[in-house]
Amino acid sequence: MSDVTPEELKKRVEVERIKDASNYLRGTLVKSLNDPLTGALADSDTQLSKFHGIYQQDDRDLRDERRRQKLEPHYQFMARIRVPGGVCTPDQWLQVDRIANTWCNRTIRLTTRQAYQFHGIIKRDLKRTIAEVNAALLDTIAACGDVNRNVMCNVNPEQSRLHEEVFEYTRRISEHLTPRTTAYHEIWLDKELVATSEKKDEEPIYGKHYLPRKFKTAVAIPPSNDVDIYANDMGFIAIAENGRLTGFNITVGGGMGMTHGEPETYPRLADVIGYCPKEKTLQVAEEIVKIQRDFGDRTNRKHARFKYTIDDRGVEWFKFELNKRLGWVMEAPRPFTFEDSGDRYGWVEGINDTWHFTIFIQNGRVLDTDDYPMMTGLREIAKVHAGDFRLTPNQNLIIGRVSSKQKPVIDALLKKYKLSGSIHQSGLRLNSMACVAFPTCALAMAESERYLPSLLTKIEAIMKEAGLEHDPIVIRMTGCPNGCARPFLGEIAFVGKGPGKYNLYLGAGFHGERLNKMYRENIGEEQILAELTPIIHRYAKEREKGEKFGDFVVRTGYVKAVLAGKEFHS
């Protein structure tokens, strides 16, 4: 991709000009980090820090008080750690725990993209935090920013041989699409600066300006769609014969974010465009990313996601362009079926005399409370565990590859620290997710992580009255419409509109194959409960055998089925 002309650069959004002048993501980050007069980074460096896995935030609970005291906002930083496929070692868990309790707010956040998040880091501790993450053989590079982010993979608690092979491709895709700039190592790890006369950075996949917007990739193993494959810009659906991987069906153009009141923005489900043999996987991944690099909209950030590139030009155009770049024609998609999108809780037996225990972690927040020492319990398990830890796409955690010999030891620790009891929740709660929202997210319009648990308690009472206490319903909440908890794939979803107010969406597919649709706009808790009560009771009485809640509300006319993003607002 050739450099753009000065005239073309002027037409682009400010972030594009920041990237252009950044010298491959360096900017003036070193200067900003060393500025003792403010807890913040310079505006341009705030944008560039995202590529390094960092978001500048402030505590919104303290804004008004600090403003009255004529103090700058209480700036702090969120750092996100990439964990390709969600798998890490017990020692890495211990290091993440130690860092969280030393430099952060003493919690670990497990994200919906199988990554770790640290919150509450102050600027003077930021460099030390990132260095210690890397010392644990993890990193934060490309966890945010206009690049391919953490590559997700089905966690498969059975630990099948198929999963082992698919996970290896997940790791390889992640590594192949990681930016090549040395800026990350120079800034955070004190690697010696390379003189420009000796060598220049280059980005063979991304180019000088990287992508127009963020890019998300996932790998699914049917029949589980726990990664919500259709919500991703690029997806790989594993196709196997006799339990061995042969290749992948390829999906393109998924994405969740939108903007309230702007119907030209919308969530979109990815299209399945073809099949590629496994040995061609990295070539296909690279060329798909390059097409978005070359054709994505760099003049309007709200129109810059890959889903709009696909909709603007058409799926057939995209397939033609991809095949041309590949130099060969992808085959027609192979048959596959998804049967669920959730996690399997409790003990699940795997292969080679191993077991796996999935713990429910509400909204992904790992911390200790007076009556639930979750963080301590996981720390004690990690000290003796010989297998692995797996972050699920639903914000939960698997203690993986536990041998039959060690299973009683792990089971005793699960019980001692009340972790085994985490799975004894309603079907509604076990299938719920929420984004962080207040007090740290700058985009939040309403509460999410802090509010959903109490709202669920009230909806659970309705479910119990209707005899549905153990029925699974996919329920999601976000503080804004940007889609971090994949709300538009919730059978019931709440998207923040203002303080205490949410848009209520209904009707997504239980397997992630259909979007939901807005049912009521800008309502508070009292009206939410009033709206859901008769629908839930009717569902209990009139559902067909095996019918999921999302299918029921579509069949009975509460909302229309939405299969295409352009239908979302109609």
Protein backbone atom coordinates (compact mmCIF):
# COMPACT_ATOMS: atom_id res chain seq x y z
CA MET A 1 0.00 0.00 0.00
CA SER A 2 1.57 3.27 -1.12
CA ASP A 3 1.81 6.34 1.07
CA VAL A 4 -1.12 8.71 0.81
CA THR A 5 -0.69 12.17 -0.61
CA PRO A 6 -0.80 15.24 1.67
CA GLU A 7 -4.11 16.19 0.05
CA GLU A 8 -5.61 12.80 0.80
CA LEU A 9 -4.33 12.89 4.39
CA LYS A 10 -6.10 16.23 4.97
CA LYS A 11 -9.43 14.55 4.14
CA ARG A 12 -8.93 11.90 6.78
CA VAL A 13 -9.96 12.03 10.44
CA GLU A 14 -7.56 13.34 13.07
CA VAL A 15 -6.64 9.86 14.32
CA GLU A 16 -5.30 9.08 10.84
CA ARG A 17 -3.06 12.12 10.95
CA ILE A 18 -1.83 11.13 14.41
CA LYS A 19 -0.90 7.68 13.11
CA ASP A 20 0.83 9.25 10.09
CA ALA A 21 3.05 11.41 12.29
CA SER A 22 3.64 8.78 14.98
CA ASN A 23 6.75 7.07 13.58
CA TYR A 24 5.07 3.67 13.84
CA LEU A 25 3.19 4.28 17.10
CA ARG A 26 5.93 6.07 19.04
CA GLY A 27 4.59 9.61 19.03
CA THR A 28 5.74 11.45 22.13
CA LEU A 29 4.72 8.68 24.52
CA VAL A 30 8.05 8.69 26.36
CA LYS A 31 7.75 12.42 26.98
CA SER A 32 4.14 12.07 28.13
CA LEU A 33 5.00 9.29 30.54
CA ASN A 34 7.76 11.38 32.08
CA ASP A 35 5.70 14.56 32.47
CA PRO A 36 5.22 14.97 36.26
CA LEU A 37 2.76 17.87 36.00
CA THR A 38 -0.25 15.80 34.96
CA GLY A 39 -1.61 12.33 35.47
CA ALA A 40 -2.65 12.20 31.81
CA LEU A 41 -0.94 11.65 28.48
CA ALA A 42 -0.91 14.23 25.69
CA ASP A 43 -4.01 14.00 23.49
CA SER A 44 -2.20 12.44 20.54
CA ASP A 45 -0.41 9.97 22.80
CA THR A 46 -3.73 9.00 24.37
CA GLN A 47 -4.76 7.76 20.93
CA LEU A 48 -1.46 5.99 20.27
CA SER A 49 -1.41 4.30 23.69
CA LYS A 50 -4.40 2.19 22.59
CA PHE A 51 -2.18 0.36 20.10
CA HIS A 52 -0.02 -0.57 23.08
CA GLY A 53 -3.03 -2.04 24.89
CA ILE A 54 -3.74 0.95 27.12
CA TYR A 55 -6.77 3.20 27.61
CA GLN A 56 -6.56 6.46 29.53
CA GLN A 57 -9.58 6.83 31.82
CA ASP A 58 -10.64 8.75 34.88
CA ASP A 59 -12.82 7.90 37.86
CA ARG A 60 -16.19 9.38 36.92
CA ASP A 61 -17.47 8.92 40.46
CA LEU A 62 -14.94 11.58 41.51
CA ARG A 63 -15.31 14.03 38.62
CA ASP A 64 -17.65 16.51 40.23
CA GLU A 65 -15.78 16.63 43.53
CA ARG A 66 -12.41 17.10 41.83
CA ARG A 67 -13.87 19.81 39.61
CA ARG A 68 -15.12 21.63 42.72
CA GLN A 69 -11.64 21.37 44.19
CA LYS A 70 -10.20 22.71 40.91
CA LEU A 71 -8.19 19.53 40.40
CA GLU A 72 -7.71 17.69 37.14
CA PRO A 73 -9.71 14.47 36.78
CA HIS A 74 -8.43 11.46 38.68
CA TYR A 75 -6.65 10.00 35.67
CA GLN A 76 -5.90 6.31 35.64
CA PHE A 77 -5.26 3.68 33.02
CA MET A 78 -6.73 0.40 31.90
CA ALA A 79 -4.28 -2.12 30.44
CA ARG A 80 -5.47 -5.11 28.46
CA ILE A 81 -3.42 -8.30 28.17
CA ARG A 82 -3.71 -10.43 25.05
CA VAL A 83 -4.28 -14.14 25.66
CA PRO A 84 -4.71 -15.80 22.24
CA GLY A 85 -7.40 -18.45 22.58
CA GLY A 86 -7.74 -17.58 26.27
CA VAL A 87 -5.23 -20.19 27.52
CA CYS A 88 -2.52 -19.36 30.07
CA THR A 89 -0.42 -21.18 32.64
CA PRO A 90 -1.02 -21.21 36.41
CA ASP A 91 2.22 -19.25 36.86
CA GLN A 92 0.94 -16.58 34.47
CA TRP A 93 -2.27 -16.39 36.50
CA LEU A 94 -0.20 -15.87 39.64
CA GLN A 95 1.77 -13.08 37.97
CA VAL A 96 -1.43 -11.39 36.77
CA ASP A 97 -2.82 -11.66 40.31
CA ARG A 98 0.36 -10.17 41.79
CA ILE A 99 0.40 -7.26 39.31
CA ALA A 100 -3.28 -6.55 39.95
CA ASN A 101 -2.70 -6.35 43.69
CA THR A 102 0.50 -4.31 43.39
CA TRP A 103 -0.09 -1.70 40.71
CA CYS A 104 -3.83 -1.81 39.98
CA ASN A 105 -7.13 -1.73 41.86
CA ARG A 106 -6.78 -5.26 43.31
CA THR A 107 -9.16 -6.80 40.79
CA ILE A 108 -8.75 -8.72 37.52
CA ARG A 109 -11.31 -8.30 34.76
CA LEU A 110 -11.86 -11.24 32.39
CA THR A 111 -13.14 -9.78 29.14
CA THR A 112 -15.61 -11.06 26.56
CA ARG A 113 -12.63 -11.49 24.21
CA GLN A 114 -10.68 -13.87 26.46
CA ALA A 115 -8.26 -11.19 27.61
CA TYR A 116 -7.26 -9.82 31.01
CA GLN A 117 -7.91 -6.22 31.96
CA PHE A 118 -6.24 -4.23 34.72
CA HIS A 119 -7.96 -1.11 36.03
CA GLY A 120 -6.85 1.78 38.20
CA ILE A 121 -3.19 2.06 37.16
CA ILE A 122 -1.75 5.53 37.70
CA LYS A 123 0.67 6.98 35.17
CA ARG A 124 3.83 6.66 37.21
CA ASP A 125 3.20 2.90 37.59
CA LEU A 126 2.18 2.26 34.00
CA LYS A 127 5.58 1.42 32.55
CA ARG A 128 6.45 -0.89 35.44
CA THR A 129 3.11 -2.66 35.04
CA ILE A 130 3.59 -3.31 31.32
CA ALA A 131 7.17 -4.50 31.90
CA GLU A 132 5.99 -7.00 34.51
CA VAL A 133 3.25 -8.26 32.19
CA ASN A 134 5.92 -9.00 29.59
CA ALA A 135 8.12 -10.68 32.18
CA ALA A 136 5.24 -13.14 32.63
CA LEU A 137 5.53 -13.99 28.90
CA LEU A 138 2.34 -12.08 28.12
CA ASP A 139 1.92 -8.74 26.37
CA THR A 140 -0.49 -5.87 25.78
CA ILE A 141 0.54 -4.90 22.24
CA ALA A 142 -2.41 -4.72 19.82
CA ALA A 143 -4.90 -5.50 22.59
CA CYS A 144 -6.56 -2.20 21.56
CA GLY A 145 -6.17 0.21 18.63
CA ASP A 146 -6.74 0.06 14.87
CA VAL A 147 -5.27 -3.41 14.44
CA ASN A 148 -6.32 -7.03 14.77
CA ARG A 149 -6.95 -7.61 18.46
CA ASN A 150 -6.87 -10.69 20.69
CA VAL A 151 -7.80 -13.74 18.60
CA MET A 152 -10.53 -15.75 20.30
CA CYS A 153 -10.96 -19.50 20.23
CA ASN A 154 -13.51 -22.00 21.51
CA VAL A 155 -12.35 -23.20 24.93
CA ASN A 156 -13.62 -26.76 24.48
CA PRO A 157 -13.46 -28.09 28.05
CA GLU A 158 -13.29 -31.64 26.68
CA GLN A 159 -9.75 -30.76 25.51
CA SER A 160 -10.14 -32.79 22.34
CA ARG A 161 -7.30 -33.38 19.93
CA LEU A 162 -9.21 -31.23 17.45
CA HIS A 163 -9.10 -28.33 19.88
CA GLU A 164 -5.36 -28.69 20.30
CA GLU A 165 -4.84 -28.30 16.56
CA VAL A 166 -7.35 -25.46 16.20
CA PHE A 167 -5.82 -23.64 19.15
CA GLU A 168 -2.42 -23.80 17.45
CA TYR A 169 -3.89 -22.09 14.38
CA THR A 170 -5.41 -19.46 16.67
CA ARG A 171 -1.98 -18.76 18.12
CA ARG A 172 -0.43 -18.59 14.66
CA ILE A 173 -3.09 -16.17 13.35
CA SER A 174 -2.51 -13.93 16.38
CA GLU A 175 1.24 -13.94 15.91
CA HIS A 176 1.01 -13.38 12.14
CA LEU A 177 -1.26 -10.34 12.53
CA THR A 178 0.67 -8.74 15.42
CA PRO A 179 2.16 -5.34 14.44
CA ARG A 180 5.88 -5.47 13.65
CA THR A 181 6.82 -2.02 15.00
CA THR A 182 9.56 -2.10 17.64
CA ALA A 183 8.04 0.92 19.40
CA TYR A 184 6.35 -1.25 22.05
CA HIS A 185 9.64 -2.82 23.14
CA GLU A 186 11.48 0.50 23.08
CA ILE A 187 8.93 2.43 25.12
CA TRP A 188 7.86 -0.15 27.69
CA LEU A 189 10.78 -2.58 27.89
CA ASP A 190 13.72 -0.20 27.42
CA LYS A 191 15.03 -1.98 24.38
CA GLU A 192 17.79 0.04 22.70
CA LEU A 193 16.44 2.51 20.16
CA VAL A 194 17.31 1.63 16.59
CA ALA A 195 19.05 4.45 14.72
CA THR A 196 17.01 5.46 11.69
CA SER A 197 20.14 5.38 9.54
CA GLU A 198 20.59 1.70 10.33
CA LYS A 199 17.07 0.36 10.08
CA LYS A 200 13.52 1.58 9.69
CA ASP A 201 10.36 0.02 11.04
CA GLU A 202 7.93 -1.39 8.54
CA GLU A 203 4.51 -2.96 8.72
CA PRO A 204 4.17 -5.45 5.84
CA ILE A 205 0.51 -6.15 6.62
CA TYR A 206 -0.75 -2.91 8.13
CA GLY A 207 1.32 -0.22 6.44
CA LYS A 208 2.14 3.13 8.01
CA HIS A 209 -1.48 3.99 8.85
CA TYR A 210 -2.58 0.60 10.19
CA LEU A 211 -6.31 -0.16 9.84
CA PRO A 212 -9.17 2.37 9.70
CA ARG A 213 -10.66 0.94 12.92
CA LYS A 214 -10.35 -2.00 15.29
CA PHE A 215 -10.52 -5.50 13.83
CA LYS A 216 -11.71 -8.59 15.71
CA THR A 217 -11.05 -12.24 14.87
CA ALA A 218 -12.45 -15.46 16.34
CA VAL A 219 -12.12 -19.19 15.76
CA ALA A 220 -15.08 -21.48 16.46
CA ILE A 221 -15.33 -25.26 16.76
CA PRO A 222 -18.87 -26.48 16.02
CA PRO A 223 -21.21 -27.30 17.63
CA SER A 224 -20.18 -24.54 20.10
CA ASN A 225 -20.47 -20.88 19.12
CA ASP A 226 -19.18 -19.57 22.45
CA VAL A 227 -16.99 -17.04 20.59
CA ASP A 228 -20.06 -15.49 18.87
CA ILE A 229 -18.37 -15.97 15.51
CA TYR A 230 -20.87 -13.79 13.63
CA ALA A 231 -20.02 -10.76 15.79
CA ASN A 232 -16.44 -10.67 14.50
CA ASP A 233 -14.84 -8.89 11.57
CA MET A 234 -13.17 -12.14 10.55
CA GLY A 235 -13.98 -15.66 11.63
CA PHE A 236 -12.72 -19.20 11.14
CA ILE A 237 -15.18 -22.07 11.67
CA ALA A 238 -13.25 -25.31 12.10
CA ILE A 239 -14.23 -28.13 9.74
CA ALA A 240 -13.13 -31.63 10.71
CA GLU A 241 -13.22 -35.12 9.30
CA ASN A 242 -12.87 -38.07 11.65
CA GLY A 243 -11.90 -35.71 14.45
CA ARG A 244 -9.03 -34.09 12.54
CA LEU A 245 -8.97 -30.53 11.24
CA THR A 246 -9.15 -30.17 7.45
CA GLY A 247 -9.75 -26.44 7.15
CA PHE A 248 -12.03 -23.55 7.99
CA ASN A 249 -15.18 -21.89 6.74
CA ILE A 250 -14.43 -18.18 6.55
CA THR A 251 -16.73 -15.44 7.85
CA VAL A 252 -16.36 -11.70 7.26
CA GLY A 253 -18.08 -8.46 8.20
CA GLY A 254 -19.48 -8.94 11.69
CA GLY A 255 -19.54 -6.19 14.29
CA MET A 256 -21.63 -5.00 17.22
CA GLY A 257 -21.16 -1.26 17.67
CA MET A 258 -23.57 1.50 16.64
CA THR A 259 -24.55 5.01 17.72
CA HIS A 260 -27.91 5.97 19.24
CA GLY A 261 -30.02 8.07 16.87
CA GLU A 262 -27.83 7.40 13.83
CA PRO A 263 -29.53 4.70 11.74
CA GLU A 264 -26.64 4.61 9.29
CA THR A 265 -24.75 2.81 12.09
CA TYR A 266 -25.85 -0.69 13.05
CA PRO A 267 -24.66 -4.10 14.28
CA ARG A 268 -24.10 -6.69 11.59
CA LEU A 269 -23.78 -10.47 11.42
CA ALA A 270 -20.83 -11.85 9.48
CA ASP A 271 -21.32 -13.65 6.17
CA VAL A 272 -19.95 -17.13 5.54
CA ILE A 273 -18.06 -16.68 2.26
CA GLY A 274 -16.21 -19.94 1.62
CA TYR A 275 -13.90 -22.70 2.79
CA CYS A 276 -10.13 -22.80 2.82
CA PRO A 277 -7.81 -25.74 3.60
CA LYS A 278 -5.95 -25.34 6.86
CA GLU A 279 -2.56 -24.80 5.21
CA LYS A 280 -3.93 -21.63 3.56
CA THR A 281 -5.23 -20.11 6.82
CA LEU A 282 -2.58 -17.44 7.36
CA GLN A 283 -2.68 -16.30 3.74
CA VAL A 284 -6.45 -15.88 3.90
CA ALA A 285 -6.25 -14.00 7.22
CA GLU A 286 -3.59 -11.63 5.90
CA GLU A 287 -5.38 -10.83 2.63
CA ILE A 288 -8.71 -10.16 4.38
CA VAL A 289 -6.99 -7.69 6.71
CA LYS A 290 -5.24 -6.04 3.77
CA ILE A 291 -8.53 -5.53 1.93
CA GLN A 292 -9.89 -3.65 4.92
CA ARG A 293 -6.62 -1.72 5.14
CA ASP A 294 -6.97 -0.61 1.51
CA PHE A 295 -10.73 -0.05 1.22
CA GLY A 296 -11.96 0.82 4.73
CA ASP A 297 -13.31 4.34 5.31
CA ARG A 298 -10.67 6.62 6.84
CA THR A 299 -12.75 9.80 6.63
CA ASN A 300 -15.49 8.80 9.13
CA ARG A 301 -14.65 6.75 12.23
CA LYS A 302 -18.29 5.76 12.66
CA HIS A 303 -18.25 4.24 9.18
CA ALA A 304 -14.78 2.74 9.36
CA ARG A 305 -15.47 -0.80 10.56
CA PHE A 306 -15.10 -3.72 8.17
CA LYS A 307 -18.87 -4.40 8.22
CA TYR A 308 -19.50 -1.15 6.38
CA THR A 309 -16.82 -1.93 3.80
CA ILE A 310 -18.65 -5.20 3.10
CA ASP A 311 -22.11 -3.60 2.97
CA ASP A 312 -20.98 -0.65 0.84
CA ARG A 313 -19.30 -2.79 -1.82
CA GLY A 314 -21.15 -6.08 -1.50
CA VAL A 315 -20.23 -9.61 -0.49
CA GLU A 316 -19.71 -10.72 -4.09
CA TRP A 317 -17.29 -7.86 -4.68
CA PHE A 318 -15.40 -8.88 -1.56
CA LYS A 319 -15.15 -12.54 -2.59
CA PHE A 320 -13.87 -11.52 -6.04
CA GLU A 321 -11.27 -9.18 -4.52
CA LEU A 322 -10.15 -11.81 -2.01
CA ASN A 323 -9.83 -14.58 -4.58
CA LYS A 324 -7.87 -12.24 -6.87
CA ARG A 325 -5.40 -11.45 -4.12
CA LEU A 326 -5.13 -15.08 -3.02
CA GLY A 327 -4.42 -16.30 -6.53
CA TRP A 328 -6.84 -19.20 -6.06
CA VAL A 329 -10.60 -19.55 -5.54
CA MET A 330 -12.03 -20.55 -2.19
CA GLU A 331 -14.36 -23.53 -2.17
CA ALA A 332 -18.02 -23.36 -1.17
CA PRO A 333 -18.59 -23.45 2.61
CA ARG A 334 -18.68 -26.90 4.19
CA PRO A 335 -21.72 -27.96 6.29
CA PHE A 336 -21.63 -27.19 10.03
CA THR A 337 -24.10 -26.74 12.90
CA PHE A 338 -24.03 -24.62 16.04
CA GLU A 339 -26.01 -25.83 19.05
CA ASP A 340 -25.05 -23.44 21.84
CA SER A 341 -23.13 -20.27 22.68
CA GLY A 342 -22.67 -20.65 26.43
CA ASP A 343 -20.25 -22.34 28.80
CA ARG A 344 -20.48 -25.80 30.38
CA TYR A 345 -20.25 -25.29 34.13
CA GLY A 346 -18.78 -27.58 36.73
CA TRP A 347 -16.63 -30.65 36.08
CA VAL A 348 -16.37 -31.86 32.50
CA GLU A 349 -14.27 -34.89 31.58
CA GLY A 350 -11.72 -34.51 28.81
CA ILE A 351 -9.23 -36.77 27.10
CA ASN A 352 -6.03 -38.32 28.44
CA ASP A 353 -7.39 -38.70 31.98
CA THR A 354 -8.05 -34.97 32.44
CA TRP A 355 -10.89 -32.93 33.88
CA HIS A 356 -11.97 -29.29 33.57
CA PHE A 357 -13.97 -27.15 35.98
CA THR A 358 -15.77 -24.04 34.71
CA ILE A 359 -16.38 -21.35 37.33
CA PHE A 360 -19.07 -18.71 36.91
CA ILE A 361 -17.53 -15.26 37.41
CA GLN A 362 -20.20 -12.60 37.34
CA ASN A 363 -19.38 -10.07 34.63
CA GLY A 364 -15.79 -11.32 34.64
CA ARG A 365 -14.69 -9.41 37.76
CA VAL A 366 -12.24 -11.38 39.92
CA LEU A 367 -11.93 -9.95 43.44
CA ASP A 368 -12.26 -10.86 47.09
CA THR A 369 -15.28 -9.84 49.16
CA ASP A 370 -15.99 -10.48 52.83
CA ASP A 371 -18.19 -13.49 52.04
CA TYR A 372 -16.60 -14.71 48.82
CA PRO A 373 -12.76 -14.97 48.66
CA MET A 374 -12.70 -15.66 44.91
CA MET A 375 -9.33 -14.08 44.11
CA THR A 376 -7.64 -15.79 47.04
CA GLY A 377 -9.14 -19.14 46.08
CA LEU A 378 -7.95 -18.92 42.50
CA ARG A 379 -4.50 -17.89 43.74
CA GLU A 380 -4.30 -20.95 45.97
CA ILE A 381 -5.44 -23.21 43.12
CA ALA A 382 -2.82 -21.72 40.80
CA LYS A 383 -0.08 -22.51 43.33
CA VAL A 384 -0.74 -26.26 43.05
CA HIS A 385 -2.40 -26.63 39.63
CA ALA A 386 -0.39 -28.50 36.98
CA GLY A 387 -2.72 -27.85 34.02
CA ASP A 388 -3.89 -24.54 32.57
CA PHE A 389 -6.34 -21.68 33.07
CA ARG A 390 -8.81 -20.79 30.31
CA LEU A 391 -10.63 -17.49 29.96
CA THR A 392 -13.94 -18.15 28.24
CA PRO A 393 -15.63 -15.79 25.75
CA ASN A 394 -18.45 -15.43 28.31
CA GLN A 395 -16.26 -13.87 31.03
CA ASN A 396 -15.89 -17.10 32.99
CA LEU A 397 -12.86 -19.21 33.92
CA ILE A 398 -11.94 -22.85 33.39
CA ILE A 399 -9.47 -24.68 35.61
CA GLY A 400 -8.26 -26.87 32.77
CA ARG A 401 -6.40 -30.14 32.29
CA VAL A 402 -6.74 -31.38 35.85
CA SER A 403 -5.47 -34.96 36.19
CA SER A 404 -7.64 -37.54 37.92
CA LYS A 405 -4.94 -37.78 40.59
CA GLN A 406 -5.02 -34.03 41.27
CA LYS A 407 -8.79 -33.62 40.92
CA PRO A 408 -9.56 -34.20 44.64
CA VAL A 409 -7.01 -31.54 45.60
CA ILE A 410 -8.48 -28.96 43.23
CA ASP A 411 -12.02 -29.94 44.19
CA ALA A 412 -11.24 -29.39 47.88
CA LEU A 413 -9.89 -25.90 47.14
CA LEU A 414 -12.92 -25.08 45.02
CA LYS A 415 -15.16 -25.96 47.96
CA LYS A 416 -12.99 -24.28 50.60
CA TYR A 417 -13.13 -20.92 48.81
CA LYS A 418 -16.79 -21.29 47.72
CA LEU A 419 -15.84 -21.43 44.03
CA SER A 420 -17.72 -24.64 43.36
CA GLY A 421 -20.89 -22.93 44.57
CA SER A 422 -20.57 -20.26 41.87
CA ILE A 423 -22.28 -22.51 39.34
CA HIS A 424 -25.46 -22.91 41.40
CA GLN A 425 -27.15 -19.89 39.86
CA SER A 426 -30.23 -19.38 37.74
CA GLY A 427 -30.09 -20.17 34.03
CA LEU A 428 -30.57 -16.46 33.42
CA ARG A 429 -27.55 -15.40 35.49
CA LEU A 430 -25.30 -18.14 34.12
CA ASN A 431 -25.94 -16.81 30.62
CA SER A 432 -25.46 -13.11 31.43
CA MET A 433 -22.71 -10.65 30.56
CA ALA A 434 -22.09 -6.96 31.15
CA CYS A 435 -19.47 -4.42 30.10
CA VAL A 436 -17.51 -2.32 32.63
CA ALA A 437 -19.28 1.04 32.08
CA PHE A 438 -19.16 3.34 35.17
CA PRO A 439 -17.02 4.49 36.83
CA THR A 440 -14.10 4.14 34.41
CA CYS A 441 -15.41 3.94 30.84
CA ALA A 442 -15.52 7.35 29.20
CA LEU A 443 -18.25 6.23 26.78
CA ALA A 444 -20.71 4.92 29.38
CA MET A 445 -24.15 6.52 29.46
CA ALA A 446 -25.56 4.23 32.15
CA GLU A 447 -24.43 1.62 34.66
CA SER A 448 -23.77 -1.94 33.50
CA GLU A 449 -21.40 -4.18 35.49
CA ARG A 450 -22.42 -2.63 38.81
CA TYR A 451 -26.15 -2.71 38.04
CA LEU A 452 -26.89 -5.91 36.14
CA PRO A 453 -26.57 -8.24 39.19
CA SER A 454 -29.35 -6.47 41.10
CA LEU A 455 -31.59 -6.24 38.03
CA LEU A 456 -31.08 -9.95 37.42
CA THR A 457 -32.24 -10.69 40.97
CA LYS A 458 -35.56 -8.99 40.19
CA ILE A 459 -35.96 -10.70 36.82
CA GLU A 460 -35.08 -14.04 38.45
CA ALA A 461 -38.09 -13.58 40.73
CA ILE A 462 -40.30 -13.27 37.65
CA MET A 463 -38.67 -16.33 36.10
CA LYS A 464 -39.25 -18.32 39.29
CA GLU A 465 -42.92 -17.33 39.40
CA ALA A 466 -43.22 -18.57 35.82
CA GLY A 467 -41.46 -21.86 36.61
CA LEU A 468 -38.45 -20.97 34.48
CA GLU A 469 -35.80 -20.60 37.17
CA HIS A 470 -33.33 -22.95 35.48
CA ASP A 471 -34.10 -22.10 31.86
CA PRO A 472 -31.15 -20.50 30.03
CA ILE A 473 -31.80 -17.15 28.39
CA VAL A 474 -28.94 -15.13 26.90
CA ILE A 475 -29.08 -11.74 28.65
CA ARG A 476 -26.62 -8.89 28.17
CA MET A 477 -26.16 -5.31 29.33
CA THR A 478 -23.93 -2.47 28.15
CA GLY A 479 -23.60 1.11 29.30
CA CYS A 480 -23.56 2.41 25.74
CA PRO A 481 -24.23 1.09 22.21
CA ASN A 482 -20.60 0.34 21.31
CA GLY A 483 -21.19 -3.35 21.86
CA CYS A 484 -18.41 -4.51 24.21
CA ALA A 485 -20.54 -7.29 25.76
CA ARG A 486 -22.08 -8.18 22.37
CA PRO A 487 -25.51 -6.91 23.48
CA PHE A 488 -27.19 -7.19 20.09
CA LEU A 489 -26.84 -10.97 20.30
CA GLY A 490 -28.76 -11.15 23.59
CA GLU A 491 -32.20 -12.75 23.67
CA ILE A 492 -32.82 -10.00 26.22
CA ALA A 493 -30.49 -7.01 26.17
CA PHE A 494 -30.24 -3.62 27.84
CA VAL A 495 -28.21 -0.86 26.18
CA GLY A 496 -27.57 2.31 28.16
CA LYS A 497 -29.27 5.47 26.94
CA GLY A 498 -28.80 7.74 29.98
CA PRO A 499 -28.52 7.55 33.78
CA GLY A 500 -30.86 4.75 34.85
CA LYS A 501 -32.33 4.43 31.34
CA TYR A 502 -31.92 1.65 28.78
CA ASN A 503 -33.16 0.55 25.42
CA LEU A 504 -34.69 -2.92 25.73
CA TYR A 505 -33.89 -5.35 22.92
CA LEU A 506 -35.44 -8.78 22.35
CA GLY A 507 -35.22 -11.66 19.94
CA ALA A 508 -31.61 -12.63 19.21
CA GLY A 509 -30.89 -16.25 18.40
CA PHE A 510 -29.73 -18.48 21.26
CA HIS A 511 -26.88 -19.76 19.07
CA GLY A 512 -25.76 -16.28 17.99
CA GLU A 513 -27.25 -16.60 14.50
CA ARG A 514 -29.77 -13.71 14.66
CA LEU A 515 -29.66 -10.10 15.90
CA ASN A 516 -32.17 -8.75 18.37
CA LYS A 517 -34.39 -5.72 17.81
CA MET A 518 -35.37 -2.77 19.98
CA TYR A 519 -38.64 -3.43 21.80
CA ARG A 520 -38.83 -0.41 24.11
CA GLU A 521 -36.74 2.77 24.17
CA ASN A 522 -35.30 4.75 27.07
CA ILE A 523 -36.97 2.97 29.99
CA GLY A 524 -36.01 2.54 33.64
CA GLU A 525 -36.14 -0.43 35.95
CA GLU A 526 -39.83 -0.21 36.85
CA GLN A 527 -40.90 -0.26 33.21
CA ILE A 528 -38.32 -2.92 32.31
CA LEU A 529 -39.85 -5.28 34.84
CA ALA A 530 -43.38 -4.34 33.79
CA GLU A 531 -42.58 -5.09 30.14
CA LEU A 532 -40.78 -8.37 30.76
CA THR A 533 -43.22 -9.89 33.26
CA PRO A 534 -46.10 -10.73 30.88
CA ILE A 535 -43.71 -11.84 28.12
CA ILE A 536 -41.90 -14.27 30.43
CA HIS A 537 -45.17 -15.70 31.78
CA ARG A 538 -46.54 -16.10 28.28
CA TYR A 539 -43.32 -17.81 27.20
CA ALA A 540 -43.71 -20.29 30.07
CA LYS A 541 -47.26 -21.15 29.00
CA GLU A 542 -47.11 -21.01 25.20
CA ARG A 543 -43.61 -22.01 24.10
CA GLU A 544 -43.21 -24.94 21.79
CA LYS A 545 -41.07 -27.93 22.70
CA GLY A 546 -37.42 -26.88 22.82
CA GLU A 547 -38.24 -23.31 21.79
CA LYS A 548 -35.79 -20.68 23.03
CA PHE A 549 -36.90 -17.32 24.38
CA GLY A 550 -35.51 -15.36 21.43
CA ASP A 551 -37.32 -17.60 18.95
CA PHE A 552 -40.55 -17.31 20.94
CA VAL A 553 -40.67 -13.50 20.96
CA VAL A 554 -40.09 -13.50 17.20
CA ARG A 555 -42.71 -16.18 16.50
CA THR A 556 -45.33 -14.45 18.63
CA GLY A 557 -44.72 -11.03 17.07
CA TYR A 558 -43.10 -9.04 19.86
CA VAL A 559 -40.26 -8.19 17.46
CA LYS A 560 -39.32 -9.02 13.89
CA ALA A 561 -36.46 -11.37 13.09
CA VAL A 562 -33.30 -9.46 12.17
CA LEU A 563 -30.73 -11.30 10.07
CA ALA A 564 -29.07 -8.34 8.34
CA GLY A 565 -27.63 -5.19 9.87
CA LYS A 566 -29.54 -2.93 7.51
CA GLU A 567 -32.79 -4.37 8.92
CA PHE A 568 -31.85 -3.50 12.50
CA HIS A 569 -33.53 -0.09 12.61
CA SER A 570 -36.40 -0.79 10.17
